[in-house]
Amino acid sequence: MAEEFTYLSNVSSSGMSVVGDGELSVTTPGNYSPGKLSSVTTRSSSLTDGTRVLTQNVRADSTGQLRFDVNLGSPSPVRQLVFLTNLASFMDSAAVSILPS
């Protein structure tokens, strides 16, 4: 597994868009009600693994943070040395939505 960048856009308390490879571990700010469940849906599109939809119920911790993983497909074997925004068409992507359960 090589080091590479993850590209985040449209980040808000209701979700985000992600471009990259491998698995991304997410910890949100404390914007959610402690102890309450949120529905986290990830719609990922991978060049090698196809399209997947995963919905998971995530409970906010005592500080109101959510913790969950986003699977962006197989990690790249090539190290990415430069931050390039035009790589999106060559990398896996995901749309993550966060809604109260």
N, C-alpha and C. Protein backbone atom coordinates (compact mmCIF):
# COMPACT_ATOMS: atom_id res chain seq x y z
N MET A 1 0.84 -1.17 0.00
CA MET A 1 0.00 0.00 0.00
C MET A 1 0.88 1.23 0.00
N ALA A 2 0.58 2.17 -0.88
CA ALA A 2 1.39 3.38 -1.02
C ALA A 2 0.69 4.57 -0.40
N GLU A 3 1.45 5.60 -0.06
CA GLU A 3 0.88 6.84 0.45
C GLU A 3 0.25 7.61 -0.69
N GLU A 4 -0.92 8.22 -0.41
CA GLU A 4 -1.56 9.05 -1.42
C GLU A 4 -2.51 10.02 -0.73
N PHE A 5 -2.99 10.98 -1.49
CA PHE A 5 -3.87 12.01 -0.96
C PHE A 5 -5.33 11.56 -1.05
N THR A 6 -6.15 12.13 -0.17
CA THR A 6 -7.60 11.96 -0.23
C THR A 6 -8.17 13.35 -0.47
N TYR A 7 -9.10 13.44 -1.40
CA TYR A 7 -9.70 14.71 -1.79
C TYR A 7 -11.11 14.78 -1.22
N LEU A 8 -11.39 15.79 -0.39
CA LEU A 8 -12.70 15.98 0.20
C LEU A 8 -13.33 17.25 -0.38
N SER A 9 -14.64 17.19 -0.64
CA SER A 9 -15.36 18.39 -1.09
C SER A 9 -16.78 18.35 -0.55
N ASN A 10 -17.44 19.50 -0.59
CA ASN A 10 -18.83 19.61 -0.13
C ASN A 10 -19.02 19.03 1.27
N VAL A 11 -18.07 19.31 2.16
CA VAL A 11 -18.10 18.75 3.51
C VAL A 11 -19.06 19.58 4.38
N SER A 12 -20.01 18.89 5.00
CA SER A 12 -20.94 19.54 5.91
C SER A 12 -21.41 18.50 6.94
N SER A 13 -22.28 18.92 7.85
CA SER A 13 -22.79 17.98 8.85
C SER A 13 -23.73 16.95 8.23
N SER A 14 -24.14 17.16 6.97
CA SER A 14 -25.02 16.19 6.30
C SER A 14 -24.27 15.29 5.32
N GLY A 15 -22.93 15.41 5.23
CA GLY A 15 -22.17 14.49 4.39
C GLY A 15 -20.98 15.14 3.71
N MET A 16 -20.48 14.45 2.67
CA MET A 16 -19.31 14.93 1.94
C MET A 16 -19.12 14.10 0.68
N SER A 17 -18.26 14.60 -0.20
CA SER A 17 -17.80 13.85 -1.36
C SER A 17 -16.33 13.53 -1.15
N VAL A 18 -15.92 12.32 -1.52
CA VAL A 18 -14.56 11.86 -1.28
C VAL A 18 -14.01 11.25 -2.56
N VAL A 19 -12.76 11.56 -2.89
CA VAL A 19 -12.05 10.91 -3.99
C VAL A 19 -10.73 10.41 -3.44
N GLY A 20 -10.39 9.16 -3.75
CA GLY A 20 -9.14 8.58 -3.27
C GLY A 20 -9.17 7.08 -3.45
N ASP A 21 -8.30 6.39 -2.78
CA ASP A 21 -8.22 4.93 -2.82
C ASP A 21 -8.05 4.41 -1.41
N GLY A 22 -8.43 3.15 -1.21
CA GLY A 22 -8.24 2.52 0.10
C GLY A 22 -9.38 2.83 1.04
N GLU A 23 -9.10 2.86 2.33
CA GLU A 23 -10.12 3.09 3.34
C GLU A 23 -9.84 4.37 4.09
N LEU A 24 -10.88 5.17 4.25
CA LEU A 24 -10.79 6.44 4.96
C LEU A 24 -11.51 6.32 6.29
N SER A 25 -10.83 6.61 7.38
CA SER A 25 -11.47 6.63 8.70
C SER A 25 -11.90 8.05 8.99
N VAL A 26 -13.19 8.23 9.29
CA VAL A 26 -13.77 9.56 9.49
C VAL A 26 -14.14 9.74 10.95
N THR A 27 -13.77 10.88 11.51
CA THR A 27 -14.24 11.34 12.81
C THR A 27 -14.78 12.74 12.59
N THR A 28 -16.08 12.92 12.84
CA THR A 28 -16.71 14.21 12.60
C THR A 28 -16.48 15.14 13.79
N PRO A 29 -16.76 16.43 13.59
CA PRO A 29 -16.81 17.33 14.74
C PRO A 29 -17.99 16.93 15.63
N GLY A 30 -18.10 17.49 16.79
CA GLY A 30 -19.17 17.16 17.72
C GLY A 30 -20.48 17.85 17.39
N ASN A 31 -20.97 17.68 16.18
CA ASN A 31 -22.19 18.35 15.71
C ASN A 31 -23.46 17.56 15.97
N TYR A 32 -23.38 16.37 16.51
CA TYR A 32 -24.52 15.47 16.61
C TYR A 32 -24.91 15.29 18.07
N SER A 33 -26.16 14.91 18.30
CA SER A 33 -26.64 14.73 19.68
C SER A 33 -25.99 13.50 20.30
N PRO A 34 -25.31 13.69 21.43
CA PRO A 34 -24.65 12.55 22.09
C PRO A 34 -25.63 11.40 22.33
N GLY A 35 -25.20 10.19 21.99
CA GLY A 35 -26.00 8.99 22.19
C GLY A 35 -27.03 8.70 21.12
N LYS A 36 -27.26 9.64 20.22
CA LYS A 36 -28.28 9.46 19.18
C LYS A 36 -27.67 8.79 17.95
N LEU A 37 -28.50 8.02 17.24
CA LEU A 37 -28.07 7.35 16.02
C LEU A 37 -28.21 8.26 14.81
N SER A 38 -27.26 8.14 13.90
CA SER A 38 -27.34 8.77 12.58
C SER A 38 -27.18 7.69 11.54
N SER A 39 -27.87 7.85 10.44
CA SER A 39 -27.76 6.91 9.32
C SER A 39 -26.71 7.45 8.35
N VAL A 40 -25.63 6.69 8.17
CA VAL A 40 -24.54 7.09 7.28
C VAL A 40 -24.60 6.20 6.04
N THR A 41 -24.90 6.80 4.89
CA THR A 41 -24.97 6.05 3.63
C THR A 41 -23.82 6.46 2.74
N THR A 42 -23.07 5.47 2.28
CA THR A 42 -21.94 5.70 1.38
C THR A 42 -22.26 5.07 0.03
N ARG A 43 -22.26 5.90 -1.00
CA ARG A 43 -22.43 5.42 -2.38
C ARG A 43 -21.07 5.56 -3.04
N SER A 44 -20.38 4.42 -3.18
CA SER A 44 -19.01 4.47 -3.72
C SER A 44 -18.97 3.91 -5.13
N SER A 45 -18.06 4.48 -5.90
CA SER A 45 -17.84 4.04 -7.27
C SER A 45 -16.35 3.80 -7.44
N SER A 46 -16.01 2.54 -7.73
CA SER A 46 -14.61 2.14 -7.84
C SER A 46 -14.32 1.66 -9.26
N LEU A 47 -13.17 2.04 -9.77
CA LEU A 47 -12.78 1.62 -11.11
C LEU A 47 -12.62 0.11 -11.19
N THR A 48 -12.22 -0.53 -10.08
CA THR A 48 -12.00 -1.98 -10.09
C THR A 48 -13.12 -2.76 -9.42
N ASP A 49 -13.80 -2.15 -8.43
CA ASP A 49 -14.79 -2.87 -7.65
C ASP A 49 -16.24 -2.53 -7.99
N GLY A 50 -16.48 -1.62 -8.93
CA GLY A 50 -17.84 -1.26 -9.32
C GLY A 50 -18.49 -0.30 -8.33
N THR A 51 -19.83 -0.27 -8.36
CA THR A 51 -20.60 0.64 -7.51
C THR A 51 -21.18 -0.12 -6.33
N ARG A 52 -21.09 0.49 -5.15
CA ARG A 52 -21.61 -0.12 -3.93
C ARG A 52 -22.35 0.92 -3.10
N VAL A 53 -23.37 0.47 -2.39
CA VAL A 53 -24.08 1.33 -1.44
C VAL A 53 -24.08 0.63 -0.09
N LEU A 54 -23.64 1.34 0.93
CA LEU A 54 -23.60 0.80 2.28
C LEU A 54 -24.24 1.81 3.22
N THR A 55 -25.22 1.34 4.01
CA THR A 55 -25.83 2.19 5.03
C THR A 55 -25.53 1.58 6.38
N GLN A 56 -25.05 2.41 7.29
CA GLN A 56 -24.74 1.95 8.64
C GLN A 56 -25.31 2.96 9.64
N ASN A 57 -25.80 2.45 10.76
CA ASN A 57 -26.27 3.31 11.85
C ASN A 57 -25.11 3.53 12.79
N VAL A 58 -24.79 4.80 13.01
CA VAL A 58 -23.63 5.16 13.83
C VAL A 58 -24.12 6.00 15.01
N ARG A 59 -23.73 5.61 16.20
CA ARG A 59 -24.14 6.34 17.40
C ARG A 59 -23.10 7.41 17.74
N ALA A 60 -23.58 8.62 17.99
CA ALA A 60 -22.68 9.71 18.39
C ALA A 60 -22.14 9.43 19.79
N ASP A 61 -20.87 9.70 19.99
CA ASP A 61 -20.26 9.49 21.30
C ASP A 61 -20.68 10.60 22.27
N SER A 62 -20.11 10.60 23.46
CA SER A 62 -20.51 11.56 24.50
C SER A 62 -20.18 13.01 24.13
N THR A 63 -19.30 13.20 23.14
CA THR A 63 -18.96 14.56 22.69
C THR A 63 -19.71 14.94 21.41
N GLY A 64 -20.59 14.04 20.92
CA GLY A 64 -21.37 14.33 19.72
C GLY A 64 -20.65 14.02 18.42
N GLN A 65 -19.56 13.28 18.49
CA GLN A 65 -18.81 12.90 17.29
C GLN A 65 -19.27 11.55 16.75
N LEU A 66 -19.24 11.42 15.42
CA LEU A 66 -19.49 10.14 14.77
C LEU A 66 -18.15 9.61 14.27
N ARG A 67 -18.01 8.28 14.29
CA ARG A 67 -16.81 7.63 13.75
C ARG A 67 -17.26 6.52 12.82
N PHE A 68 -16.74 6.55 11.58
CA PHE A 68 -17.09 5.52 10.60
C PHE A 68 -16.01 5.47 9.53
N ASP A 69 -16.01 4.39 8.75
CA ASP A 69 -15.05 4.21 7.67
C ASP A 69 -15.75 4.34 6.32
N VAL A 70 -15.01 4.84 5.34
CA VAL A 70 -15.48 4.92 3.96
C VAL A 70 -14.54 4.07 3.11
N ASN A 71 -15.08 3.04 2.47
CA ASN A 71 -14.27 2.16 1.63
C ASN A 71 -14.23 2.73 0.21
N LEU A 72 -13.04 3.06 -0.25
CA LEU A 72 -12.85 3.62 -1.59
C LEU A 72 -12.20 2.62 -2.54
N GLY A 73 -12.39 1.34 -2.28
CA GLY A 73 -11.83 0.33 -3.18
C GLY A 73 -10.40 -0.02 -2.83
N SER A 74 -9.77 -0.72 -3.73
CA SER A 74 -8.41 -1.21 -3.50
C SER A 74 -7.42 -0.05 -3.41
N PRO A 75 -6.47 -0.12 -2.47
CA PRO A 75 -5.45 0.92 -2.38
C PRO A 75 -4.54 0.89 -3.60
N SER A 76 -4.00 2.03 -3.93
CA SER A 76 -3.09 2.14 -5.06
C SER A 76 -1.71 1.60 -4.69
N PRO A 77 -1.07 0.88 -5.62
CA PRO A 77 0.28 0.40 -5.35
C PRO A 77 1.35 1.47 -5.62
N VAL A 78 0.92 2.61 -6.17
CA VAL A 78 1.86 3.66 -6.56
C VAL A 78 1.74 4.85 -5.60
N ARG A 79 2.85 5.32 -5.09
CA ARG A 79 2.87 6.46 -4.18
C ARG A 79 2.53 7.73 -4.93
N GLN A 80 1.61 8.52 -4.38
CA GLN A 80 1.25 9.80 -4.98
C GLN A 80 2.09 10.88 -4.33
N LEU A 81 2.89 11.59 -5.11
CA LEU A 81 3.82 12.57 -4.57
C LEU A 81 3.32 14.00 -4.64
N VAL A 82 2.34 14.27 -5.52
CA VAL A 82 1.88 15.63 -5.76
C VAL A 82 0.37 15.68 -5.63
N PHE A 83 -0.14 16.75 -5.02
CA PHE A 83 -1.58 16.95 -4.91
C PHE A 83 -2.11 17.50 -6.24
N LEU A 84 -2.87 16.70 -6.95
CA LEU A 84 -3.40 17.09 -8.26
C LEU A 84 -4.92 16.91 -8.27
N THR A 85 -5.65 17.98 -8.54
CA THR A 85 -7.11 17.88 -8.53
C THR A 85 -7.65 17.19 -9.77
N ASN A 86 -6.88 17.08 -10.84
CA ASN A 86 -7.38 16.44 -12.06
C ASN A 86 -7.24 14.92 -12.02
N LEU A 87 -6.87 14.36 -10.87
CA LEU A 87 -6.76 12.90 -10.76
C LEU A 87 -8.09 12.22 -10.50
N ALA A 88 -9.15 12.98 -10.28
CA ALA A 88 -10.44 12.41 -9.89
C ALA A 88 -10.94 11.36 -10.86
N SER A 89 -10.70 11.53 -12.14
CA SER A 89 -11.21 10.56 -13.11
C SER A 89 -10.43 9.25 -13.07
N PHE A 90 -9.29 9.22 -12.38
CA PHE A 90 -8.47 8.02 -12.28
C PHE A 90 -8.55 7.36 -10.91
N MET A 91 -9.36 7.93 -10.03
CA MET A 91 -9.43 7.43 -8.65
C MET A 91 -10.87 7.06 -8.30
N ASP A 92 -11.02 6.31 -7.24
CA ASP A 92 -12.34 5.90 -6.76
C ASP A 92 -12.99 7.08 -6.03
N SER A 93 -14.32 7.05 -5.94
CA SER A 93 -15.03 8.15 -5.30
C SER A 93 -16.19 7.64 -4.47
N ALA A 94 -16.67 8.50 -3.58
CA ALA A 94 -17.82 8.16 -2.76
C ALA A 94 -18.57 9.41 -2.39
N ALA A 95 -19.90 9.27 -2.30
CA ALA A 95 -20.76 10.32 -1.77
C ALA A 95 -21.29 9.79 -0.44
N VAL A 96 -21.07 10.56 0.61
CA VAL A 96 -21.47 10.14 1.95
C VAL A 96 -22.58 11.07 2.43
N SER A 97 -23.70 10.50 2.85
CA SER A 97 -24.77 11.31 3.43
C SER A 97 -24.99 10.88 4.88
N ILE A 98 -25.25 11.87 5.72
CA ILE A 98 -25.46 11.63 7.15
C ILE A 98 -26.83 12.22 7.52
N LEU A 99 -27.72 11.35 7.99
CA LEU A 99 -29.06 11.78 8.37
C LEU A 99 -29.40 11.26 9.75
N PRO A 100 -30.20 12.01 10.52
CA PRO A 100 -30.63 11.48 11.82
C PRO A 100 -31.47 10.23 11.60
N SER A 101 -31.31 9.24 12.45
CA SER A 101 -32.11 8.00 12.34
C SER A 101 -33.44 8.16 13.04
